[in-house]
Protein backbone atom coordinates (compact mmCIF):
# COMPACT_ATOMS: atom_id res chain seq x y z
CA MET A 1 -17.60 234.00 -63.68
CA LEU A 2 -14.43 233.25 -65.64
CA ILE A 3 -14.79 232.75 -69.36
CA ASP A 4 -13.94 229.52 -71.12
CA GLU A 5 -11.74 229.13 -74.19
CA ARG A 6 -14.72 228.78 -76.55
CA HIS A 7 -16.15 232.15 -75.56
CA PHE A 8 -12.74 233.80 -75.69
CA LEU A 9 -12.20 232.51 -79.22
CA ASP A 10 -15.68 233.76 -80.12
CA ILE A 11 -14.99 237.35 -79.07
CA LYS A 12 -11.46 237.17 -80.49
CA ASN A 13 -12.79 236.16 -83.92
CA THR A 14 -15.40 238.93 -83.84
CA ILE A 15 -12.81 241.56 -82.90
CA ASN A 16 -10.41 240.33 -85.58
CA GLN A 17 -13.15 240.81 -88.19
CA VAL A 18 -13.06 244.51 -87.27
CA VAL A 19 -9.28 244.85 -86.97
CA PHE A 20 -6.50 242.30 -86.42
CA ILE A 21 -5.33 242.20 -82.80
CA PRO A 22 -2.10 240.27 -82.03
CA ASP A 23 -2.51 237.38 -79.60
CA LYS A 24 -0.41 239.15 -76.96
CA GLN A 25 -2.81 242.09 -76.92
CA MET A 26 -5.90 239.85 -76.99
CA ASN A 27 -4.60 237.92 -74.00
CA ALA A 28 -3.99 241.20 -72.18
CA ILE A 29 -7.74 241.87 -71.91
CA LEU A 30 -8.52 238.48 -70.36
CA PRO A 31 -8.25 239.77 -66.75
CA PHE A 32 -10.89 242.41 -67.55
CA ILE A 33 -13.51 239.96 -68.88
CA SER A 34 -16.19 238.09 -66.96
CA LYS A 35 -19.17 236.07 -68.14
CA VAL A 36 -22.66 236.88 -66.89
CA SER A 37 -25.89 234.96 -67.46
CA TYR A 38 -29.21 236.78 -67.81
CA ARG A 39 -32.61 235.18 -67.44
CA LYS A 40 -35.34 236.28 -69.82
CA GLY A 41 -36.58 239.66 -68.62
CA GLU A 42 -33.46 240.58 -66.66
CA TYR A 43 -31.61 243.79 -67.41
CA PHE A 44 -28.10 244.42 -68.65
CA THR A 45 -28.69 248.01 -67.57
CA LYS A 46 -31.58 250.32 -66.64
CA ALA A 47 -32.10 254.03 -67.15
CA GLY A 48 -30.32 255.81 -64.31
CA ASP A 49 -27.63 253.16 -63.90
CA TYR A 50 -23.97 254.04 -64.38
CA GLN A 51 -22.46 251.60 -66.86
CA THR A 52 -18.76 250.75 -66.68
CA HIS A 53 -18.65 247.69 -68.95
CA ILE A 54 -19.01 246.89 -72.61
CA GLY A 55 -21.01 243.74 -73.22
CA TYR A 56 -20.47 241.11 -75.89
CA VAL A 57 -23.40 238.77 -76.59
CA VAL A 58 -22.19 235.17 -76.77
CA ASP A 59 -25.71 233.74 -76.72
CA GLY A 60 -29.21 235.18 -76.62
CA LEU A 61 -30.87 238.46 -77.46
CA PHE A 62 -31.17 241.92 -75.91
CA ARG A 63 -33.50 244.83 -76.62
CA LEU A 64 -32.38 248.45 -76.19
CA PHE A 65 -35.22 250.84 -75.45
CA TYR A 66 -36.23 254.19 -73.97
CA VAL A 67 -39.23 254.96 -71.78
CA ASP A 68 -40.85 258.39 -72.05
CA PRO A 69 -42.32 260.28 -69.06
CA LYS A 70 -45.74 258.74 -69.80
CA GLY A 71 -44.30 255.23 -69.63
CA LYS A 72 -44.37 254.48 -73.37
CA GLU A 73 -41.49 252.35 -74.63
CA TYR A 74 -39.51 253.08 -77.79
CA THR A 75 -37.32 250.26 -79.06
CA LYS A 76 -34.00 251.56 -80.35
CA TYR A 77 -32.15 248.38 -81.34
CA PHE A 78 -31.73 244.63 -80.88
CA ASN A 79 -28.40 243.07 -79.96
CA THR A 80 -28.03 239.53 -81.24
CA GLN A 81 -25.31 236.91 -80.80
CA GLY A 82 -21.87 238.20 -81.78
CA SER A 83 -22.61 241.88 -81.22
CA PHE A 84 -21.36 244.44 -78.71
CA VAL A 85 -23.70 246.13 -76.24
CA VAL A 86 -22.53 249.64 -75.40
CA VAL A 87 -24.16 252.51 -73.48
CA TYR A 88 -21.96 255.25 -74.89
CA ASN A 89 -23.23 258.21 -72.89
CA SER A 90 -22.59 256.36 -69.64
CA ILE A 91 -19.15 254.83 -70.20
CA LEU A 92 -17.71 257.79 -72.14
CA GLN A 93 -19.20 260.66 -70.13
CA GLY A 94 -19.76 259.06 -66.75
CA GLN A 95 -23.47 259.86 -66.94
CA PRO A 96 -26.40 257.68 -65.93
CA SER A 97 -27.74 255.57 -68.77
CA TYR A 98 -30.84 256.82 -70.55
CA LEU A 99 -31.38 253.36 -72.01
CA TYR A 100 -32.85 250.12 -70.75
CA ILE A 101 -31.21 246.97 -72.10
CA GLN A 102 -33.21 243.82 -71.39
CA ALA A 103 -32.72 240.15 -72.24
CA LEU A 104 -35.59 238.92 -74.43
CA LYS A 105 -34.62 235.31 -73.74
CA ASP A 106 -32.09 233.52 -71.54
CA SER A 107 -28.77 235.00 -72.59
CA GLU A 108 -25.07 235.09 -71.83
CA ALA A 109 -22.73 238.03 -72.26
CA LEU A 110 -19.07 238.75 -71.69
CA LEU A 111 -18.58 241.95 -69.70
CA ILE A 112 -15.37 243.86 -70.38
CA ASN A 113 -14.26 246.55 -67.95
CA TYR A 114 -14.13 249.64 -70.17
CA LEU A 115 -11.81 251.68 -67.93
CA GLU A 116 -9.15 248.96 -67.91
CA TRP A 117 -9.63 248.26 -71.61
CA SER A 118 -9.28 251.94 -72.53
CA LYS A 119 -6.09 252.23 -70.44
CA LEU A 120 -4.66 249.40 -72.49
CA ALA A 121 -5.78 251.14 -75.68
CA ASP A 122 -3.87 254.30 -74.68
CA SER A 123 -0.62 252.49 -75.41
CA GLN A 124 -1.71 250.13 -78.20
CA ILE A 125 -2.65 251.47 -81.62
CA CYS A 126 -4.49 248.27 -82.58
CA TRP A 127 -7.02 248.79 -79.78
CA GLN A 128 -7.39 252.47 -80.65
CA ILE A 129 -8.31 251.44 -84.21
CA PHE A 130 -10.77 248.86 -82.88
CA PHE A 131 -12.58 251.40 -80.67
CA ARG A 132 -12.73 253.89 -83.54
CA LYS A 133 -14.21 251.30 -85.89
CA LEU A 134 -16.70 250.13 -83.25
CA THR A 135 -17.85 253.72 -82.76
CA GLU A 136 -18.06 254.24 -86.53
CA GLN A 137 -20.18 251.11 -86.89
CA THR A 138 -22.55 252.30 -84.18
CA TYR A 139 -22.82 255.71 -85.83
CA LEU A 140 -23.61 254.15 -89.22
CA GLU A 141 -26.33 251.99 -87.65
CA LYS A 142 -27.80 255.10 -86.00
CA GLU A 143 -27.68 257.05 -89.27
CA LYS A 144 -29.33 254.20 -91.18
CA ARG A 145 -32.11 253.96 -88.62
CA GLU A 146 -32.76 257.70 -88.83
CA SER A 147 -32.77 257.66 -92.64
CA ASP A 148 -35.23 254.74 -92.62
CA PHE A 149 -37.71 256.92 -90.72
CA LEU A 150 -37.07 259.94 -92.96
CA PHE A 151 -37.20 258.29 -96.37
CA TYR A 152 -39.15 255.03 -96.14
CA ASP A 153 -42.71 254.02 -95.41
CA ALA A 154 -43.64 251.42 -92.79
CA LYS A 155 -43.64 248.55 -95.30
CA THR A 156 -40.09 249.31 -96.42
CA ARG A 157 -38.93 249.73 -92.82
CA TYR A 158 -40.39 246.30 -92.02
CA ARG A 159 -38.63 244.74 -95.01
CA ASN A 160 -35.37 246.34 -93.89
CA PHE A 161 -35.91 244.96 -90.38
CA ILE A 162 -36.32 241.42 -91.77
CA LYS A 163 -33.16 241.86 -93.84
CA ASP A 164 -31.11 243.33 -90.97
CA PHE A 165 -32.36 240.87 -88.32
CA PRO A 166 -33.12 237.61 -90.17
CA GLY A 167 -35.47 235.30 -88.27
CA LEU A 168 -36.09 237.80 -85.49
CA ASP A 169 -39.64 238.53 -86.67
CA LYS A 170 -40.63 235.03 -85.55
CA ALA A 171 -38.58 235.01 -82.33
CA ILE A 172 -39.81 238.11 -80.48
CA LYS A 173 -43.10 239.72 -79.52
CA GLN A 174 -44.79 241.68 -82.26
CA HIS A 175 -45.22 244.81 -80.13
CA HIS A 176 -41.42 245.01 -79.80
CA ILE A 177 -41.10 244.98 -83.59
CA ALA A 178 -43.87 247.56 -83.92
CA SER A 179 -42.11 249.79 -81.40
CA PHE A 180 -38.86 249.47 -83.36
CA LEU A 181 -40.64 250.41 -86.59
CA GLY A 182 -42.50 253.33 -85.01
CA ILE A 183 -45.97 251.91 -85.71
CA SER A 184 -48.76 250.33 -83.68
CA PRO A 185 -49.05 246.52 -83.31
CA GLU A 186 -52.32 246.72 -85.24
CA THR A 187 -50.62 248.48 -88.14
CA LEU A 188 -47.85 245.87 -88.11
CA SER A 189 -50.42 243.07 -88.23
CA ARG A 190 -52.14 244.63 -91.26
CA LEU A 191 -48.77 245.26 -92.90
CA LYS A 192 -47.70 241.62 -92.51
CA LYS A 193 -51.02 240.39 -93.94
CA ASN A 194 -50.64 242.64 -96.98
CA ILE A 195 -47.08 241.43 -97.55
CA ASP A 196 -48.14 237.76 -97.17
CA ASN A 197 -51.01 238.26 -99.63
CA CYS A 198 -48.62 239.70 -102.22
CA GLN A 199 -46.24 236.74 -102.08
């Protein structure tokens, strides 16, 4: 599906917050972009799929998670409106994804063909800077998540979740939040009651 001007301006503004891209170079990626709608429960990608596109969430919410050999799910991240969805190991190394990315509600995303986009970046320094900064941002998010588990207790991790994803605690299932925090749903329920009682 072709994208409309509103969605193009949306992704343009988001990209320009990372690094300024001249209009000529922004317009050059238009042929590589398509809009896809996802119903609640549908997947952007599944483990084992080969991903060739970077997604940009124009509306909705996605959950990134792993599944261990016993079938237990581990939530890695949530992608909200205005964020990029990237399966780095798949698009950079040509390997099957080890992640599942699922829509938690009806959502829309812009899909950008990474191969074509990266070819354009080979000759344009502005796009090279953008990709570097996008990768840096992802790394910093990963490092923060790891440090949360190393240095903070469950209560602090929950408070950080509320700060990092405002309003999400009331919009998604509690077992998804518990999985993200590395605790059981029962522990999360007790944690929330203790926090509410202290306020």
